[in-house]
Amino acid sequence: MHRFLFVITLLLGFAAPAAAQEPPKVTTLFSRELSDVSGKEATMLIVEYPPDGADPVHRHDANAFVYVLEGSVIMQLKESDPVTLQPGQTFYEGPDDIHVVGRNASKTEPAKFLVVLIKNKGAPDLIPVQ
């Protein structure tokens, strides 16, 4: 009987769906047209990764400036090595960069960073890439 229960428990464990990864929380602080740069705007965001949280592969049709506020994040652009950033460190993504890794380095603590995007007026903040 114990062997039967062990096998059933083992099978149920493998059949159970994996927990969905919680997406980051993105808060827009402001967005403002740049009066001295025709057709451009600046958007400032706070991104909060839950423990083990991550972004999908994406790009920004923008210049993106990142400043880590709390925790530790791992960032990687296509054809570049990953970097692990701590509070006070920065990261840059250009308009043609593909962001292949953006995730919390911790499985137990949240992470938070500030992003400033300089982009075409009305362009989306993030563009998913397949």
Protein backbone atom coordinates (compact mmCIF):
# COMPACT_ATOMS: atom_id res chain seq x y z
CA MET A 1 0.00 0.00 0.00
CA HIS A 2 2.80 2.43 0.87
CA ARG A 3 4.46 1.75 -2.48
CA PHE A 4 1.18 2.50 -4.29
CA LEU A 5 0.78 5.83 -2.45
CA PHE A 6 4.42 6.71 -3.21
CA VAL A 7 3.91 6.06 -6.95
CA ILE A 8 0.66 8.07 -7.05
CA THR A 9 2.32 10.97 -5.17
CA LEU A 10 5.27 10.85 -7.54
CA LEU A 11 3.02 10.83 -10.62
CA LEU A 12 0.89 13.69 -9.31
CA GLY A 13 4.01 15.70 -8.60
CA PHE A 14 5.15 15.35 -12.21
CA ALA A 15 1.68 16.05 -13.58
CA ALA A 16 1.12 19.19 -11.53
CA PRO A 17 1.48 22.31 -13.67
CA ALA A 18 4.44 24.56 -12.96
CA ALA A 19 3.59 27.72 -11.08
CA ALA A 20 3.20 30.66 -13.41
CA GLN A 21 5.98 33.18 -13.04
CA GLU A 22 4.63 36.43 -11.63
CA PRO A 23 5.17 39.29 -14.09
CA PRO A 24 6.94 42.47 -13.01
CA LYS A 25 4.89 45.40 -11.75
CA VAL A 26 5.42 48.47 -13.93
CA THR A 27 4.37 51.91 -12.69
CA THR A 28 4.53 54.93 -15.00
CA LEU A 29 5.71 57.93 -13.00
CA PHE A 30 5.27 60.39 -15.85
CA SER A 31 5.51 60.86 -19.60
CA ARG A 32 6.30 64.20 -21.15
CA GLU A 33 6.81 65.50 -24.67
CA LEU A 34 10.30 66.89 -25.24
CA SER A 35 9.69 70.41 -26.53
CA ASP A 36 13.21 70.81 -27.92
CA VAL A 37 13.27 67.43 -29.74
CA SER A 38 10.49 67.24 -32.32
CA GLY A 39 8.34 64.09 -32.09
CA LYS A 40 10.07 62.67 -28.98
CA GLU A 41 8.92 62.08 -25.43
CA ALA A 42 10.46 60.92 -22.17
CA THR A 43 8.77 58.33 -20.00
CA MET A 44 9.88 57.42 -16.48
CA LEU A 45 8.92 54.03 -15.03
CA ILE A 46 9.49 52.00 -11.89
CA VAL A 47 9.80 48.25 -12.53
CA GLU A 48 9.43 45.86 -9.60
CA TYR A 49 10.44 42.22 -10.01
CA PRO A 50 8.97 39.81 -7.48
CA PRO A 51 11.36 37.14 -6.20
CA ASP A 52 12.49 35.09 -9.23
CA GLY A 53 10.49 37.46 -11.51
CA ALA A 54 11.47 38.15 -15.10
CA ASP A 55 10.57 40.04 -18.27
CA PRO A 56 9.74 38.38 -21.59
CA VAL A 57 12.25 38.84 -24.42
CA HIS A 58 11.61 42.35 -25.73
CA ARG A 59 12.98 45.55 -27.16
CA HIS A 60 12.25 49.23 -26.78
CA ASP A 61 11.98 51.51 -29.78
CA ALA A 62 13.77 53.93 -27.47
CA ASN A 63 16.92 54.80 -25.62
CA ALA A 64 16.40 53.14 -22.22
CA PHE A 65 18.39 54.20 -19.15
CA VAL A 66 18.11 51.89 -16.11
CA TYR A 67 19.08 52.65 -12.50
CA VAL A 68 18.80 49.87 -9.89
CA LEU A 69 17.12 51.01 -6.68
CA GLU A 70 16.75 47.80 -4.64
CA GLY A 71 17.82 44.18 -4.89
CA SER A 72 19.85 42.67 -7.69
CA VAL A 73 18.90 42.23 -11.35
CA ILE A 74 20.43 40.34 -14.25
CA MET A 75 20.30 42.05 -17.64
CA GLN A 76 21.49 40.78 -21.01
CA LEU A 77 21.23 42.11 -24.54
CA LYS A 78 21.41 39.85 -27.59
CA GLU A 79 25.04 39.10 -28.51
CA SER A 80 26.29 40.45 -25.15
CA ASP A 81 27.24 38.83 -21.85
CA PRO A 82 24.79 39.01 -18.94
CA VAL A 83 25.51 41.55 -16.19
CA THR A 84 24.35 41.47 -12.59
CA LEU A 85 23.48 44.91 -11.27
CA GLN A 86 23.24 46.07 -7.64
CA PRO A 87 21.63 49.23 -6.20
CA GLY A 88 23.24 52.35 -7.67
CA GLN A 89 24.39 50.63 -10.87
CA THR A 90 23.12 51.47 -14.36
CA PHE A 91 22.31 49.77 -17.65
CA TYR A 92 21.57 51.06 -21.16
CA GLU A 93 19.49 49.65 -24.03
CA GLY A 94 19.51 51.27 -27.46
CA PRO A 95 16.60 51.40 -29.92
CA ASP A 96 17.89 48.39 -31.89
CA ASP A 97 18.88 46.20 -28.91
CA ILE A 98 17.01 42.99 -28.11
CA HIS A 99 16.71 42.46 -24.34
CA VAL A 100 17.02 38.67 -23.97
CA VAL A 101 17.37 38.51 -20.16
CA GLY A 102 15.82 40.82 -17.60
CA ARG A 103 15.23 39.11 -14.27
CA ASN A 104 15.54 39.26 -10.54
CA ALA A 105 18.79 37.63 -9.39
CA SER A 106 17.09 36.53 -6.15
CA LYS A 107 14.54 33.78 -5.65
CA THR A 108 13.57 35.21 -2.24
CA GLU A 109 13.87 39.03 -2.35
CA PRO A 110 12.18 41.58 -4.66
CA ALA A 111 14.13 43.96 -6.90
CA LYS A 112 13.25 47.45 -8.11
CA PHE A 113 14.69 49.76 -10.76
CA LEU A 114 13.97 53.06 -12.44
CA VAL A 115 13.78 53.28 -16.25
CA VAL A 116 13.86 56.45 -18.34
CA LEU A 117 12.83 55.98 -21.99
CA ILE A 118 13.49 58.57 -24.69
CA LYS A 119 11.20 57.48 -27.52
CA ASN A 120 8.98 58.54 -30.38
CA LYS A 121 5.85 60.23 -29.09
CA GLY A 122 3.11 57.65 -28.53
CA ALA A 123 5.38 54.62 -29.12
CA PRO A 124 4.83 51.65 -26.77
CA ASP A 125 7.16 51.32 -23.80
CA LEU A 126 7.92 47.66 -24.55
CA ILE A 127 7.72 45.59 -27.74
CA PRO A 128 7.67 41.77 -27.28
CA VAL A 129 10.08 39.83 -29.49
CA GLN A 130 9.56 36.21 -30.54
